[in-house]
Amino acid sequence: MGRKAQFPYWFPQMSRSEARKPILVRGARQLLTLRGPSGPRRGSAMRELGLFQDGALLISDGVIQDVGPSRRVENLAAARDAEEISADGRVVMPGFVDSYAQLVCGPPLLDEYESRILSDGGSPSRPGSGGDRTIQALRAASKQRLELDARKTLREFIRNGATAIGAATTADPEARSEMKALRVIAALNEKPLDLLPALRVEKWPLSAGECEPGGAQADILETLMHRRLARFVIADCGQDNLPPEDADLLLKVAAQKGFYVGVATDRFASTGGVRVAVANNGASVSHLTHVTEEDIDLLAHAPTVATLLPGAVFHSGLDRYPPARALIDAGAAVALASGFSCDQSPTCSMAAVISLACNLMRMTPAEAISAATINGAHALRSAHRFGSLEYGKEATLLMLNASDYREIPYHFGMNLIAMCMKRGDVLFPRMAYS
């Protein structure tokens, strides 16, 4: 073996030459690899975590070279000179993939929050009801101010174990704050996390002419693609937002221009958004509080990932959660995301989301972990890079102050993250990237 040191006191003192040496992570009480089929996990496969008792993995240049039982991995020739991190009986698992979050969203809406609490019976609010104030705040703030605030938020995501984020923007019919927010996301991408930017469209006026070459909306999409400011286009399909026919038109044009597409839908009533997402080969369809049996059957036979946001339901005071149990039992691919935003779900904690999913949507801990890692990566069309611990993928992982993965939902409200690693670099507890 190479130099041995006890985590976490060793990594902050590493020199650059040492940092490029192979790394051996060994002694995990539970090593969750999430190895499995190439597609998203469905049905009973969501409970298969690829678990090794006393597991280890070997990392070279930020890429996983081998993973498996500690005794076998430690005896590899490449492990002899590796720098060693002892998990010391902890859980090691893939980093959380938060596939839907509004990283740039303005200040918290504290007045609205307190007013709701003090209102008659603490009546629930509709998610997104603070959207106009959010847009105004984004318009008023400078790019530098937004970037500073987003960087602070990003630190909290890392402390809570997020290693990749689907960074949706707050919709703006005039597109000014959209562009500003997307430029902030571009400036922060890979510093140090992967931020996969998404343009979320909820109230833009759409017509066939506007989406044709030279039309206003087509020009905006062309600009975003040319500047590489967005990777996804998400149609917000609902009673107060885009009707299904407009959402369908938008996604068809976006797909033609090279974007991945998705839909946010069915928060307050069934609106046909699932059918639009499936018909356009959407990467994901999110929210899904009100879905029909027909919608569930469609998702069970489609590659589109059903992305559930229990944090948004909880924070808004609503009492109807997405039917996770029905979706999983039918065979749909289910992901979990924070839905982070100042008005909908102001939490960076995927562990809290997992706890809500287990306690209020009756997902098992294993299903929730699959949904928060590998299926989140599929929702971002990035499962070939991260979301599981396998040969050739990024060494993007977490070490928990826990000896059993079921402690994640059990200890609700607790942050169990002992270490967060991205591409072989320790981001937490060092946090030296700022």
Protein backbone atom coordinates (compact mmCIF):
# COMPACT_ATOMS: atom_id res chain seq x y z
CA MET A 1 0.00 0.00 0.00
CA GLY A 2 1.00 3.60 -0.46
CA ARG A 3 0.80 6.29 2.13
CA LYS A 4 -2.02 5.64 4.57
CA ALA A 5 -3.97 8.38 6.27
CA GLN A 6 -7.15 8.67 8.22
CA PHE A 7 -9.92 10.65 6.54
CA PRO A 8 -10.72 13.52 6.78
CA TYR A 9 -7.49 15.05 8.08
CA TRP A 10 -5.29 14.10 5.18
CA PHE A 11 -6.76 15.48 1.97
CA PRO A 12 -6.48 19.20 2.77
CA GLN A 13 -2.68 18.84 2.99
CA MET A 14 -2.24 17.03 -0.35
CA SER A 15 0.20 18.49 -2.83
CA ARG A 16 -0.62 18.66 -6.53
CA SER A 17 1.74 15.79 -7.31
CA GLU A 18 0.10 13.64 -4.66
CA ALA A 19 -3.38 14.56 -5.88
CA ARG A 20 -2.74 12.82 -9.22
CA LYS A 21 -1.60 9.58 -7.65
CA PRO A 22 -4.12 6.72 -7.63
CA ILE A 23 -6.56 6.83 -4.73
CA LEU A 24 -7.81 3.77 -2.87
CA VAL A 25 -11.04 4.14 -0.92
CA ARG A 26 -11.32 1.08 1.28
CA GLY A 27 -13.07 -0.33 4.33
CA ALA A 28 -16.64 0.72 3.50
CA ARG A 29 -19.11 -1.10 5.69
CA GLN A 30 -21.55 -0.76 2.80
CA LEU A 31 -20.38 0.19 -0.69
CA LEU A 32 -23.39 1.04 -2.86
CA THR A 33 -22.35 0.88 -6.50
CA LEU A 34 -25.78 1.14 -8.17
CA ARG A 35 -24.35 -1.05 -10.93
CA GLY A 36 -27.00 -2.46 -13.22
CA PRO A 37 -28.63 -2.21 -16.64
CA SER A 38 -27.76 0.64 -18.97
CA GLY A 39 -31.22 2.21 -18.76
CA PRO A 40 -32.97 3.82 -15.78
CA ARG A 41 -34.01 1.54 -12.93
CA ARG A 42 -37.63 0.38 -12.86
CA GLY A 43 -39.80 -1.75 -10.61
CA SER A 44 -37.92 -4.18 -8.40
CA ALA A 45 -34.60 -3.12 -9.98
CA MET A 46 -34.87 0.14 -8.01
CA ARG A 47 -34.24 -1.88 -4.84
CA GLU A 48 -31.00 -3.39 -6.16
CA LEU A 49 -28.14 -1.18 -5.01
CA GLY A 50 -25.16 -3.31 -6.09
CA LEU A 51 -24.08 -3.46 -2.46
CA PHE A 52 -20.70 -4.78 -1.27
CA GLN A 53 -20.05 -5.40 2.40
CA ASP A 54 -16.49 -4.23 3.17
CA GLY A 55 -16.08 -2.64 -0.25
CA ALA A 56 -13.36 -0.58 -1.93
CA LEU A 57 -12.73 1.32 -5.13
CA LEU A 58 -9.59 2.38 -6.98
CA ILE A 59 -9.45 5.80 -8.65
CA SER A 60 -6.98 7.11 -11.23
CA ASP A 61 -7.09 10.62 -12.70
CA GLY A 62 -10.61 11.09 -11.36
CA VAL A 63 -11.96 7.94 -13.01
CA ILE A 64 -12.95 4.67 -11.34
CA GLN A 65 -10.56 1.87 -12.28
CA ASP A 66 -12.03 -0.92 -10.15
CA VAL A 67 -14.71 -1.46 -7.54
CA GLY A 68 -15.62 -4.43 -5.39
CA PRO A 69 -14.65 -6.26 -2.18
CA SER A 70 -11.82 -4.56 -0.28
CA ARG A 71 -9.64 -7.67 -0.21
CA ARG A 72 -9.65 -8.02 -4.00
CA VAL A 73 -9.27 -4.32 -4.86
CA GLU A 74 -6.49 -3.80 -2.30
CA ASN A 75 -4.45 -6.60 -3.91
CA LEU A 76 -4.41 -4.99 -7.34
CA ALA A 77 -0.97 -3.90 -8.50
CA ALA A 78 -2.18 -0.36 -9.09
CA ALA A 79 -3.33 -0.13 -5.47
CA ARG A 80 0.15 -0.67 -4.02
CA ASP A 81 1.29 2.94 -4.42
CA ALA A 82 -2.14 4.52 -4.09
CA GLU A 83 -3.02 7.14 -1.54
CA GLU A 84 -5.48 5.53 0.83
CA ILE A 85 -8.74 6.83 2.27
CA SER A 86 -10.18 4.62 4.98
CA ALA A 87 -13.96 4.67 5.08
CA ASP A 88 -13.66 3.15 8.55
CA GLY A 89 -16.95 1.27 8.47
CA ARG A 90 -18.99 4.01 6.82
CA VAL A 91 -21.36 3.92 3.86
CA VAL A 92 -19.82 4.88 0.49
CA MET A 93 -22.22 5.59 -2.37
CA PRO A 94 -22.62 7.61 -5.58
CA GLY A 95 -23.09 11.34 -5.16
CA PHE A 96 -26.63 12.66 -5.20
CA VAL A 97 -27.87 13.84 -8.60
CA ASP A 98 -30.39 16.64 -8.12
CA SER A 99 -32.00 16.70 -11.53
CA TYR A 100 -34.36 19.66 -11.02
CA ALA A 101 -33.36 22.79 -9.06
CA GLN A 102 -33.52 26.53 -9.69
CA LEU A 103 -30.04 27.48 -8.55
CA VAL A 104 -30.48 31.12 -9.59
CA CYS A 105 -33.80 32.22 -8.14
CA GLY A 106 -33.50 35.43 -6.17
CA PRO A 107 -34.00 36.05 -2.43
CA PRO A 108 -36.22 33.96 -0.13
CA LEU A 109 -39.86 35.02 -0.03
CA LEU A 110 -40.06 35.33 3.74
CA ASP A 111 -43.05 37.69 3.92
CA GLU A 112 -45.20 35.34 1.84
CA TYR A 113 -44.07 32.39 3.92
CA GLU A 114 -44.97 34.05 7.22
CA SER A 115 -48.29 35.31 5.85
CA ARG A 116 -49.25 31.79 4.83
CA ILE A 117 -48.45 30.48 8.29
CA LEU A 118 -50.58 33.17 9.91
CA SER A 119 -53.45 32.88 7.44
CA ASP A 120 -56.71 31.22 8.38
CA GLY A 121 -55.86 27.60 9.08
CA GLY A 122 -52.43 27.97 7.54
CA SER A 123 -53.92 27.52 4.07
CA PRO A 124 -51.53 26.03 1.54
CA SER A 125 -50.03 28.08 -1.25
CA ARG A 126 -49.74 27.13 -4.86
CA PRO A 127 -46.13 26.36 -5.82
CA GLY A 128 -44.85 29.14 -8.01
CA SER A 129 -47.18 31.74 -6.49
CA GLY A 130 -44.15 33.94 -5.80
CA GLY A 131 -42.93 33.66 -9.37
CA ASP A 132 -43.60 37.30 -10.31
CA ARG A 133 -41.55 38.59 -7.37
CA THR A 134 -38.78 36.16 -8.24
CA ILE A 135 -38.66 37.40 -11.83
CA GLN A 136 -38.59 41.01 -10.66
CA ALA A 137 -35.70 40.24 -8.30
CA LEU A 138 -33.74 38.56 -11.08
CA ARG A 139 -34.31 41.48 -13.40
CA ALA A 140 -33.14 43.97 -10.77
CA ALA A 141 -30.02 42.09 -9.65
CA SER A 142 -26.70 42.32 -11.47
CA LYS A 143 -25.08 39.21 -12.91
CA GLN A 144 -22.28 39.59 -10.35
CA ARG A 145 -24.76 39.67 -7.45
CA LEU A 146 -26.62 36.63 -8.77
CA GLU A 147 -23.38 34.74 -9.27
CA LEU A 148 -22.22 35.49 -5.73
CA ASP A 149 -25.54 34.31 -4.29
CA ALA A 150 -25.57 31.20 -6.48
CA ARG A 151 -22.04 30.32 -5.40
CA LYS A 152 -23.11 30.44 -1.75
CA THR A 153 -26.08 28.22 -2.54
CA LEU A 154 -23.81 25.85 -4.42
CA ARG A 155 -21.69 25.40 -1.30
CA GLU A 156 -24.78 24.29 0.57
CA PHE A 157 -25.62 21.79 -2.16
CA ILE A 158 -22.13 20.31 -1.85
CA ARG A 159 -22.29 20.14 1.95
CA ASN A 160 -25.51 18.16 1.49
CA GLY A 161 -23.98 15.74 -1.02
CA ALA A 162 -25.17 17.03 -4.40
CA THR A 163 -22.63 16.30 -7.14
CA ALA A 164 -24.63 17.26 -10.25
CA ILE A 165 -27.58 19.60 -10.65
CA GLY A 166 -30.18 20.06 -13.34
CA ALA A 167 -30.17 23.85 -13.14
CA ALA A 168 -33.53 25.12 -14.39
CA THR A 169 -34.16 28.83 -14.74
CA THR A 170 -37.12 30.83 -13.47
CA ALA A 171 -39.41 31.52 -16.41
CA ASP A 172 -39.50 35.07 -17.76
CA PRO A 173 -41.79 35.91 -20.69
CA GLU A 174 -39.42 38.68 -21.74
CA ALA A 175 -36.39 36.37 -21.53
CA ARG A 176 -34.12 39.04 -20.01
CA SER A 177 -33.64 37.40 -16.63
CA GLU A 178 -33.59 33.98 -18.33
CA MET A 179 -30.46 34.95 -20.24
CA LYS A 180 -28.88 36.49 -17.14
CA ALA A 181 -29.58 33.38 -15.04
CA LEU A 182 -28.27 31.06 -17.74
CA ARG A 183 -25.06 33.09 -18.04
CA VAL A 184 -24.58 32.74 -14.27
CA ILE A 185 -25.04 28.97 -14.53
CA ALA A 186 -22.55 28.82 -17.40
CA ALA A 187 -19.99 30.74 -15.32
CA LEU A 188 -20.36 28.27 -12.43
CA ASN A 189 -20.52 25.03 -14.41
CA GLU A 190 -17.85 22.53 -13.30
CA LYS A 191 -16.73 24.96 -10.58
CA PRO A 192 -16.81 22.42 -9.11
CA LEU A 193 -20.10 20.64 -9.91
CA ASP A 194 -21.75 19.71 -13.17
CA LEU A 195 -24.60 22.15 -13.77
CA LEU A 196 -26.83 21.08 -16.64
CA PRO A 197 -28.79 24.20 -17.60
CA ALA A 198 -32.45 24.08 -18.57
CA LEU A 199 -34.68 26.82 -19.96
CA ARG A 200 -38.12 26.44 -18.32
CA VAL A 201 -40.87 28.04 -20.39
CA GLU A 202 -44.20 28.69 -18.70
CA LYS A 203 -45.98 31.71 -20.20
CA TRP A 204 -44.31 32.69 -23.42
CA PRO A 205 -46.80 33.41 -26.21
CA LEU A 206 -46.35 30.72 -28.82
CA SER A 207 -47.60 30.29 -32.35
CA ALA A 208 -46.42 28.38 -35.38
CA GLY A 209 -45.01 31.59 -36.86
CA GLU A 210 -43.02 32.50 -33.76
CA CYS A 211 -41.42 29.05 -33.67
CA GLU A 212 -40.54 29.03 -37.37
CA PRO A 213 -37.13 30.37 -38.53
CA GLY A 214 -37.05 34.09 -37.87
CA GLY A 215 -39.79 33.92 -35.24
CA ALA A 216 -39.17 35.43 -31.81
CA GLN A 217 -39.11 32.18 -29.87
CA ALA A 218 -37.10 30.35 -32.52
CA ASP A 219 -34.50 33.13 -32.39
CA ILE A 220 -34.20 32.80 -28.60
CA LEU A 221 -33.65 29.05 -28.88
CA GLU A 222 -31.09 29.59 -31.64
CA THR A 223 -29.20 32.03 -29.44
CA LEU A 224 -29.19 29.67 -26.47
CA MET A 225 -27.93 26.79 -28.55
CA HIS A 226 -25.28 28.89 -30.30
CA ARG A 227 -23.95 30.23 -26.98
CA ARG A 228 -24.34 26.85 -25.29
CA LEU A 229 -26.32 28.44 -22.49
CA ALA A 230 -28.95 25.69 -22.22
CA ARG A 231 -28.93 21.94 -22.69
CA PHE A 232 -32.60 21.28 -21.95
CA VAL A 233 -35.88 23.03 -22.73
CA ILE A 234 -38.67 22.32 -20.24
CA ALA A 235 -42.27 23.18 -21.08
CA ASP A 236 -44.32 24.12 -18.01
CA CYS A 237 -47.65 22.58 -18.99
CA GLY A 238 -50.54 23.43 -16.68
CA GLN A 239 -53.77 25.28 -16.08
CA ASP A 240 -52.09 28.67 -15.67
CA ASN A 241 -49.19 28.01 -18.02
CA LEU A 242 -48.69 26.46 -21.46
CA PRO A 243 -51.61 24.45 -22.84
CA PRO A 244 -50.65 20.99 -24.18
CA GLU A 245 -50.72 22.08 -27.83
CA ASP A 246 -48.29 24.96 -27.19
CA ALA A 247 -46.05 22.76 -25.04
CA ASP A 248 -45.99 20.16 -27.82
CA LEU A 249 -45.07 22.78 -30.43
CA LEU A 250 -42.30 24.22 -28.25
CA LEU A 251 -40.71 20.82 -27.56
CA LYS A 252 -40.79 19.79 -31.20
CA VAL A 253 -38.97 22.97 -32.23
CA ALA A 254 -36.49 22.65 -29.35
CA ALA A 255 -35.71 19.03 -30.23
CA GLN A 256 -35.11 20.02 -33.85
CA LYS A 257 -32.55 22.54 -32.67
CA GLY A 258 -30.68 19.92 -30.67
CA PHE A 259 -32.02 20.40 -27.13
CA TYR A 260 -33.05 17.64 -24.78
CA VAL A 261 -36.64 18.30 -23.75
CA GLY A 262 -38.80 17.79 -20.70
CA VAL A 263 -42.11 18.81 -19.14
CA ALA A 264 -43.20 20.16 -15.74
CA THR A 265 -46.86 19.32 -15.23
CA ASP A 266 -49.86 18.14 -13.20
CA ARG A 267 -49.25 20.07 -9.99
CA PHE A 268 -52.91 20.94 -9.39
CA ALA A 269 -54.84 18.93 -11.97
CA SER A 270 -54.24 16.49 -14.79
CA THR A 271 -53.43 18.60 -17.85
CA GLY A 272 -52.10 16.19 -20.46
CA GLY A 273 -48.46 17.06 -19.85
CA VAL A 274 -47.37 13.45 -19.44
CA ARG A 275 -48.65 12.61 -22.91
CA VAL A 276 -46.76 15.61 -24.35
CA ALA A 277 -43.54 14.51 -22.63
CA VAL A 278 -43.79 10.91 -23.80
CA ALA A 279 -44.79 11.89 -27.36
CA ASN A 280 -41.68 14.07 -27.62
CA ASN A 281 -39.30 11.50 -26.08
CA GLY A 282 -38.80 13.77 -23.09
CA ALA A 283 -35.87 13.09 -20.83
CA SER A 284 -38.07 13.76 -17.81
CA VAL A 285 -41.48 14.90 -16.66
CA SER A 286 -41.63 16.51 -13.22
CA HIS A 287 -44.01 17.31 -10.36
CA LEU A 288 -46.83 14.80 -11.21
CA THR A 289 -49.00 15.41 -8.17
CA HIS A 290 -52.14 14.78 -10.23
CA VAL A 291 -51.62 11.98 -12.72
CA THR A 292 -54.13 9.52 -14.12
CA GLU A 293 -53.88 5.76 -14.46
CA GLU A 294 -53.40 6.34 -18.18
CA ASP A 295 -50.46 8.66 -17.45
CA ILE A 296 -48.87 6.05 -15.18
CA ASP A 297 -49.25 3.41 -17.88
CA LEU A 298 -47.65 5.72 -20.44
CA LEU A 299 -44.63 6.31 -18.19
CA ALA A 300 -44.32 2.60 -17.48
CA HIS A 301 -43.67 1.97 -21.17
CA ALA A 302 -41.61 5.07 -22.04
CA PRO A 303 -37.97 6.11 -21.52
CA THR A 304 -39.13 9.38 -19.90
CA VAL A 305 -38.13 9.61 -16.21
CA ALA A 306 -40.85 10.64 -13.73
CA THR A 307 -39.13 13.25 -11.52
CA LEU A 308 -40.89 13.74 -8.18
CA LEU A 309 -40.45 16.80 -5.95
CA PRO A 310 -41.83 15.99 -2.49
CA GLY A 311 -40.02 18.99 -1.00
CA ALA A 312 -42.14 21.37 -3.10
CA VAL A 313 -45.34 19.71 -1.89
CA PHE A 314 -44.21 19.78 1.74
CA HIS A 315 -43.09 23.41 1.73
CA SER A 316 -46.28 24.58 0.03
CA GLY A 317 -48.45 22.96 2.71
CA LEU A 318 -50.28 20.75 0.24
CA ASP A 319 -51.48 17.32 1.29
CA ARG A 320 -51.35 15.45 -2.02
CA TYR A 321 -48.03 13.89 -2.99
CA PRO A 322 -47.07 12.25 -6.30
CA PRO A 323 -48.15 8.57 -6.42
CA ALA A 324 -44.62 7.17 -6.22
CA ARG A 325 -45.77 3.72 -5.14
CA ALA A 326 -48.15 3.36 -8.09
CA LEU A 327 -45.52 4.64 -10.55
CA ILE A 328 -42.83 2.24 -9.32
CA ASP A 329 -45.15 -0.77 -9.13
CA ALA A 330 -46.31 -0.09 -12.70
CA GLY A 331 -42.72 -0.05 -13.94
CA ALA A 332 -42.09 3.68 -14.46
CA ALA A 333 -38.58 5.06 -13.99
CA VAL A 334 -38.76 7.39 -10.96
CA ALA A 335 -36.25 10.06 -9.92
CA LEU A 336 -36.23 12.37 -6.90
CA ALA A 337 -35.11 16.00 -6.99
CA SER A 338 -35.10 18.88 -4.54
CA GLY A 339 -36.99 21.27 -6.81
CA PHE A 340 -34.94 23.95 -5.06
CA SER A 341 -36.24 27.48 -5.51
CA CYS A 342 -37.00 30.47 -3.31
CA ASP A 343 -40.78 30.02 -3.56
CA GLN A 344 -41.34 26.29 -4.11
CA SER A 345 -38.79 24.22 -2.21
CA PRO A 346 -36.01 26.12 -0.41
CA THR A 347 -33.90 23.09 0.50
CA CYS A 348 -30.58 21.82 -0.81
CA SER A 349 -30.89 18.53 1.06
CA MET A 350 -31.45 15.44 -1.05
CA ALA A 351 -31.37 13.47 2.22
CA ALA A 352 -34.44 15.41 3.35
CA VAL A 353 -36.10 14.67 0.02
CA ILE A 354 -35.34 10.97 0.47
CA SER A 355 -36.85 11.06 3.95
CA LEU A 356 -40.03 12.69 2.62
CA ALA A 357 -40.21 10.13 -0.18
CA CYS A 358 -39.95 7.23 2.24
CA ASN A 359 -42.26 8.57 4.93
CA LEU A 360 -44.91 10.29 2.83
CA MET A 361 -44.75 8.54 -0.56
CA ARG A 362 -43.97 5.03 0.73
CA MET A 363 -40.80 4.52 -1.26
CA THR A 364 -38.31 2.12 0.30
CA PRO A 365 -34.89 3.53 1.25
CA ALA A 366 -33.26 1.59 -1.59
CA GLU A 367 -35.79 2.86 -4.14
CA ALA A 368 -35.29 6.43 -2.93
CA ILE A 369 -31.50 6.16 -3.22
CA SER A 370 -31.79 4.79 -6.77
CA ALA A 371 -34.13 7.67 -7.57
CA ALA A 372 -31.71 10.23 -6.13
CA THR A 373 -28.62 8.91 -7.92
CA ILE A 374 -28.71 6.78 -11.07
CA ASN A 375 -32.25 7.69 -12.17
CA GLY A 376 -31.51 11.37 -11.58
CA ALA A 377 -28.51 10.95 -13.88
CA HIS A 378 -30.76 9.39 -16.52
CA ALA A 379 -33.17 12.32 -16.20
CA LEU A 380 -30.19 14.53 -17.10
CA ARG A 381 -29.08 12.18 -19.91
CA SER A 382 -25.73 11.83 -18.11
CA ALA A 383 -25.82 8.33 -16.63
CA HIS A 384 -22.83 7.38 -18.80
CA ARG A 385 -20.74 9.75 -16.65
CA PHE A 386 -22.09 9.61 -13.09
CA GLY A 387 -24.90 8.25 -10.92
CA SER A 388 -23.25 4.90 -10.18
CA LEU A 389 -19.80 3.64 -9.15
CA GLU A 390 -18.57 1.58 -12.10
CA TYR A 391 -15.41 1.12 -14.14
CA GLY A 392 -14.81 4.06 -16.46
CA LYS A 393 -17.22 6.45 -14.77
CA GLU A 394 -16.31 9.56 -12.80
CA ALA A 395 -15.12 9.03 -9.24
CA THR A 396 -18.04 11.04 -7.91
CA LEU A 397 -19.10 9.72 -4.53
CA LEU A 398 -20.15 10.34 -0.94
CA MET A 399 -18.98 8.94 2.37
CA LEU A 400 -21.59 9.01 5.12
CA ASN A 401 -21.34 9.17 8.88
CA ALA A 402 -23.49 6.05 8.93
CA SER A 403 -22.94 2.32 8.67
CA ASP A 404 -26.25 1.52 6.96
CA TYR A 405 -27.79 3.37 3.99
CA ARG A 406 -31.23 3.22 5.62
CA GLU A 407 -30.03 5.80 8.12
CA ILE A 408 -30.39 8.47 5.41
CA PRO A 409 -34.21 8.61 5.61
CA TYR A 410 -34.36 7.42 9.21
CA HIS A 411 -32.40 10.39 10.61
CA PHE A 412 -34.59 13.04 8.99
CA GLY A 413 -33.16 16.54 9.09
CA MET A 414 -29.61 15.33 9.78
CA ASN A 415 -26.71 15.85 7.41
CA LEU A 416 -24.73 12.60 7.41
CA ILE A 417 -22.23 13.65 4.71
CA ALA A 418 -18.66 13.01 5.88
CA MET A 419 -17.04 13.46 2.47
CA CYS A 420 -18.13 14.61 -0.97
CA MET A 421 -15.84 13.74 -3.89
CA LYS A 422 -16.22 14.90 -7.49
CA ARG A 423 -14.01 13.40 -10.23
CA GLY A 424 -11.51 12.29 -7.59
CA ASP A 425 -11.28 15.70 -5.88
CA VAL A 426 -12.55 16.10 -2.33
CA LEU A 427 -14.93 19.06 -2.20
CA PHE A 428 -16.18 18.61 1.32
CA PRO A 429 -15.00 18.99 4.06
CA ARG A 430 -12.15 20.91 2.40
CA MET A 431 -14.34 23.27 0.32
CA ALA A 432 -11.20 24.78 -1.21
CA TYR A 433 -12.79 25.58 -4.59
CA SER A 434 -14.11 29.02 -3.63
